[in-house]
Protein backbone atom coordinates (compact mmCIF):
# COMPACT_ATOMS: atom_id res chain seq x y z
CA MET A 1 9.45 -46.98 150.10
CA LYS A 2 7.98 -43.85 148.55
CA ASN A 3 11.29 -43.23 146.75
CA ILE A 4 11.19 -46.72 145.22
CA PHE A 5 7.71 -46.08 143.82
CA ALA A 6 8.88 -42.75 142.42
CA LYS A 7 11.78 -44.49 140.65
CA ILE A 8 9.48 -47.20 139.33
CA SER A 9 6.97 -44.61 138.12
CA TRP A 10 9.74 -42.61 136.48
CA GLY A 11 11.14 -45.75 134.87
CA ALA A 12 7.71 -46.71 133.59
CA ALA A 13 7.25 -43.21 132.15
CA VAL A 14 10.60 -43.47 130.34
CA LEU A 15 9.64 -46.87 128.98
CA VAL A 16 6.28 -45.59 127.72
CA LEU A 17 7.99 -42.64 126.07
CA LEU A 18 10.61 -44.88 124.52
CA LEU A 19 7.99 -47.17 123.11
CA THR A 20 6.03 -44.29 121.61
CA LEU A 21 9.07 -42.59 120.07
CA PRO A 22 10.21 -43.79 116.67
CA ALA A 23 13.26 -45.99 117.11
CA GLN A 24 14.86 -44.52 113.98
CA ALA A 25 14.55 -41.29 111.99
CA GLU A 26 13.44 -43.18 108.89
CA PRO A 27 10.68 -45.78 108.95
CA PRO A 28 12.13 -48.92 110.49
CA THR A 29 12.50 -52.03 108.42
CA PRO A 30 10.34 -54.98 109.52
CA LYS A 31 13.46 -56.59 111.02
CA ALA A 32 14.39 -53.40 112.90
CA ALA A 33 10.83 -53.15 114.24
CA ASP A 34 11.05 -56.77 115.39
CA ILE A 35 14.43 -56.11 117.03
CA HIS A 36 12.85 -53.21 118.91
CA LYS A 37 10.05 -55.54 120.00
CA LEU A 38 12.66 -58.10 121.07
CA LEU A 39 14.35 -55.45 123.21
CA VAL A 40 11.00 -54.82 124.90
CA VAL A 41 9.82 -58.40 125.45
CA SER A 42 13.24 -59.66 126.51
CA GLY A 43 13.63 -56.96 129.15
CA ILE A 44 16.76 -55.58 127.49
CA LEU A 45 15.05 -52.20 127.05
CA ASP A 46 14.49 -52.10 130.81
CA GLN A 47 18.18 -52.90 131.31
CA LEU A 48 19.12 -50.00 129.03
CA SER A 49 17.02 -47.73 131.24
CA TYR A 50 18.81 -49.20 134.25
CA MET A 51 22.12 -48.33 132.57
CA GLN A 52 20.90 -44.73 132.31
CA THR A 53 20.25 -44.60 136.05
CA LYS A 54 23.53 -46.34 136.84
CA LEU A 55 25.46 -43.91 134.63
CA LEU A 56 23.90 -40.87 136.27
CA ASN A 57 24.42 -42.29 139.75
CA SER A 58 28.07 -43.05 139.01
CA TYR A 59 28.69 -39.66 137.43
CA SER A 60 27.07 -37.81 140.34
CA ILE A 61 30.43 -37.89 142.14
CA VAL A 62 31.58 -35.21 139.68
CA VAL A 63 29.04 -32.91 141.33
CA SER A 64 29.04 -34.19 144.90
CA GLY A 65 32.84 -34.14 145.16
CA PRO A 66 33.32 -30.40 144.75
CA TYR A 67 29.78 -29.55 145.95
CA PRO A 68 29.01 -31.67 149.03
CA ARG A 69 25.84 -29.70 149.82
CA VAL A 70 23.34 -30.06 146.99
CA PRO A 71 19.57 -29.63 147.37
CA ASP A 72 17.26 -32.53 146.52
CA ALA A 73 15.66 -30.43 143.78
CA PHE A 74 19.04 -30.36 141.99
CA TRP A 75 19.22 -34.16 142.04
CA ASP A 76 15.64 -34.41 140.74
CA GLU A 77 16.64 -32.32 137.72
CA TYR A 78 20.03 -34.00 137.44
CA HIS A 79 18.31 -37.36 136.92
CA GLN A 80 16.46 -35.83 133.97
CA LEU A 81 19.69 -34.90 132.13
CA ILE A 82 19.46 -38.06 130.06
CA GLY A 83 15.98 -38.06 128.59
CA PRO A 84 13.84 -40.11 126.22
CA LYS A 85 15.53 -38.71 123.10
CA ASP A 86 18.93 -39.71 124.47
CA MET A 87 17.65 -43.20 125.22
CA ALA A 88 16.13 -43.40 121.72
CA THR A 89 19.60 -42.59 120.35
CA LEU A 90 21.04 -45.45 122.38
CA ILE A 91 18.40 -47.79 121.00
CA GLU A 92 19.17 -46.59 117.46
CA ARG A 93 22.78 -47.59 118.07
CA VAL A 94 21.91 -50.97 119.60
CA ILE A 95 19.46 -52.16 116.93
CA PRO A 96 22.13 -52.42 114.18
CA VAL A 97 24.23 -54.65 116.46
CA TYR A 98 21.35 -57.11 116.71
CA ASP A 99 20.69 -56.71 112.99
CA LYS A 100 24.32 -57.56 112.19
CA HIS A 101 24.51 -60.65 114.39
CA MET A 102 21.03 -62.17 114.10
CA SER A 103 18.80 -63.26 111.27
CA HIS A 104 15.27 -61.95 111.14
CA GLU A 105 14.01 -65.49 111.77
CA THR A 106 16.11 -65.75 114.95
CA VAL A 107 14.75 -62.41 116.17
CA ARG A 108 11.17 -63.60 115.53
CA ARG A 109 11.77 -66.88 117.36
CA LEU A 110 13.31 -65.07 120.32
CA ILE A 111 10.25 -62.80 120.49
CA GLU A 112 8.03 -65.90 120.62
CA MET A 113 10.19 -67.40 123.35
CA PHE A 114 10.28 -64.23 125.45
CA GLU A 115 6.50 -63.90 125.24
CA THR A 116 5.97 -67.20 127.08
CA PRO A 117 4.89 -67.11 130.75
CA PHE A 118 8.21 -68.66 131.80
CA TRP A 119 10.23 -65.82 130.27
CA ARG A 120 7.80 -63.16 131.47
CA GLU A 121 8.46 -64.35 135.02
CA TRP A 122 12.21 -64.39 134.37
CA LYS A 123 12.10 -60.87 132.94
CA GLN A 124 10.08 -59.66 135.91
CA LYS A 125 12.53 -61.11 138.45
CA MET A 126 15.81 -60.30 136.67
CA PRO A 127 16.06 -56.61 137.67
CA ALA A 128 15.88 -57.48 141.38
CA ILE A 129 18.29 -60.38 140.91
CA SER A 130 20.69 -58.19 138.92
CA GLN A 131 20.53 -55.42 141.49
CA GLU A 132 21.13 -57.74 144.44
CA ALA A 133 23.90 -59.61 142.64
CA GLY A 134 25.44 -56.27 141.61
CA LEU A 135 25.49 -55.11 145.22
CA ILE A 136 27.14 -58.36 146.29
CA GLY A 137 29.68 -57.91 143.48
CA SER A 138 30.40 -54.34 144.60
CA GLU A 139 30.84 -55.43 148.22
CA TRP A 140 33.12 -58.27 147.12
CA GLY A 141 35.15 -55.87 144.97
CA ALA A 142 35.56 -53.45 147.87
CA GLU A 143 36.62 -56.30 150.18
CA MET A 144 39.11 -57.55 147.59
CA VAL A 145 40.87 -54.22 147.01
CA GLN A 146 40.97 -53.52 150.74
CA SER A 147 42.30 -56.94 151.68
CA GLU A 148 45.84 -57.40 152.87
CA ALA A 149 46.36 -60.31 150.45
CA PHE A 150 45.35 -58.25 147.40
CA ASN A 151 47.43 -55.26 148.43
CA SER A 152 50.46 -57.46 149.13
CA LYS A 153 50.17 -58.97 145.66
CA LEU A 154 49.74 -55.51 144.14
CA ASP A 155 52.80 -54.19 146.00
CA ALA A 156 54.84 -57.18 144.78
CA LEU A 157 53.68 -56.57 141.21
CA ILE A 158 54.61 -52.88 141.44
CA LYS A 159 58.07 -53.84 142.70
CA LYS A 160 58.48 -56.55 140.07
CA PHE A 161 57.93 -54.07 137.26
CA ASP A 162 59.75 -51.29 139.16
CA LEU A 163 56.89 -48.85 138.63
CA GLU A 164 58.43 -46.39 141.13
CA ALA A 165 61.52 -45.92 138.95
CA LEU A 166 59.57 -46.12 135.72
CA ASN A 167 57.32 -43.25 136.78
CA LYS A 168 60.03 -41.00 138.26
CA LYS A 169 60.34 -38.50 135.44
């Protein structure tokens, strides 16, 4: 339980830092500032922070594979490898995508919508829902690739395209 609070506190610290950092090197346009606000109120900014954690967790196999014994202090520092400036860079890259596909009026209306109590509750519950659903998806994926039916179909597909001969060079 203590570890969960540490992650939440760390995530909150990243969010505060992200919100206090300028989203772009030059002063943002009013639309870009509103897109940044949309990312905050919609919970997308939180999801970007979640992507940071997911990326680091996934990439940790690069370390834990060749180095099975790693002290906790290493992992504490490892999880700091992607910092607020890196996340600000990600946000700088995401804002133009929204700018390209949405009018300023649409962005403003979405902000209004996401600031309603209904959407605040949705935003609050979505991380837990996403995490639980993601775990179920991972378990399902593992079951699928380990199943006899899947592997039989895969073997048949490999034979159909004669991958053994094709890759014998």
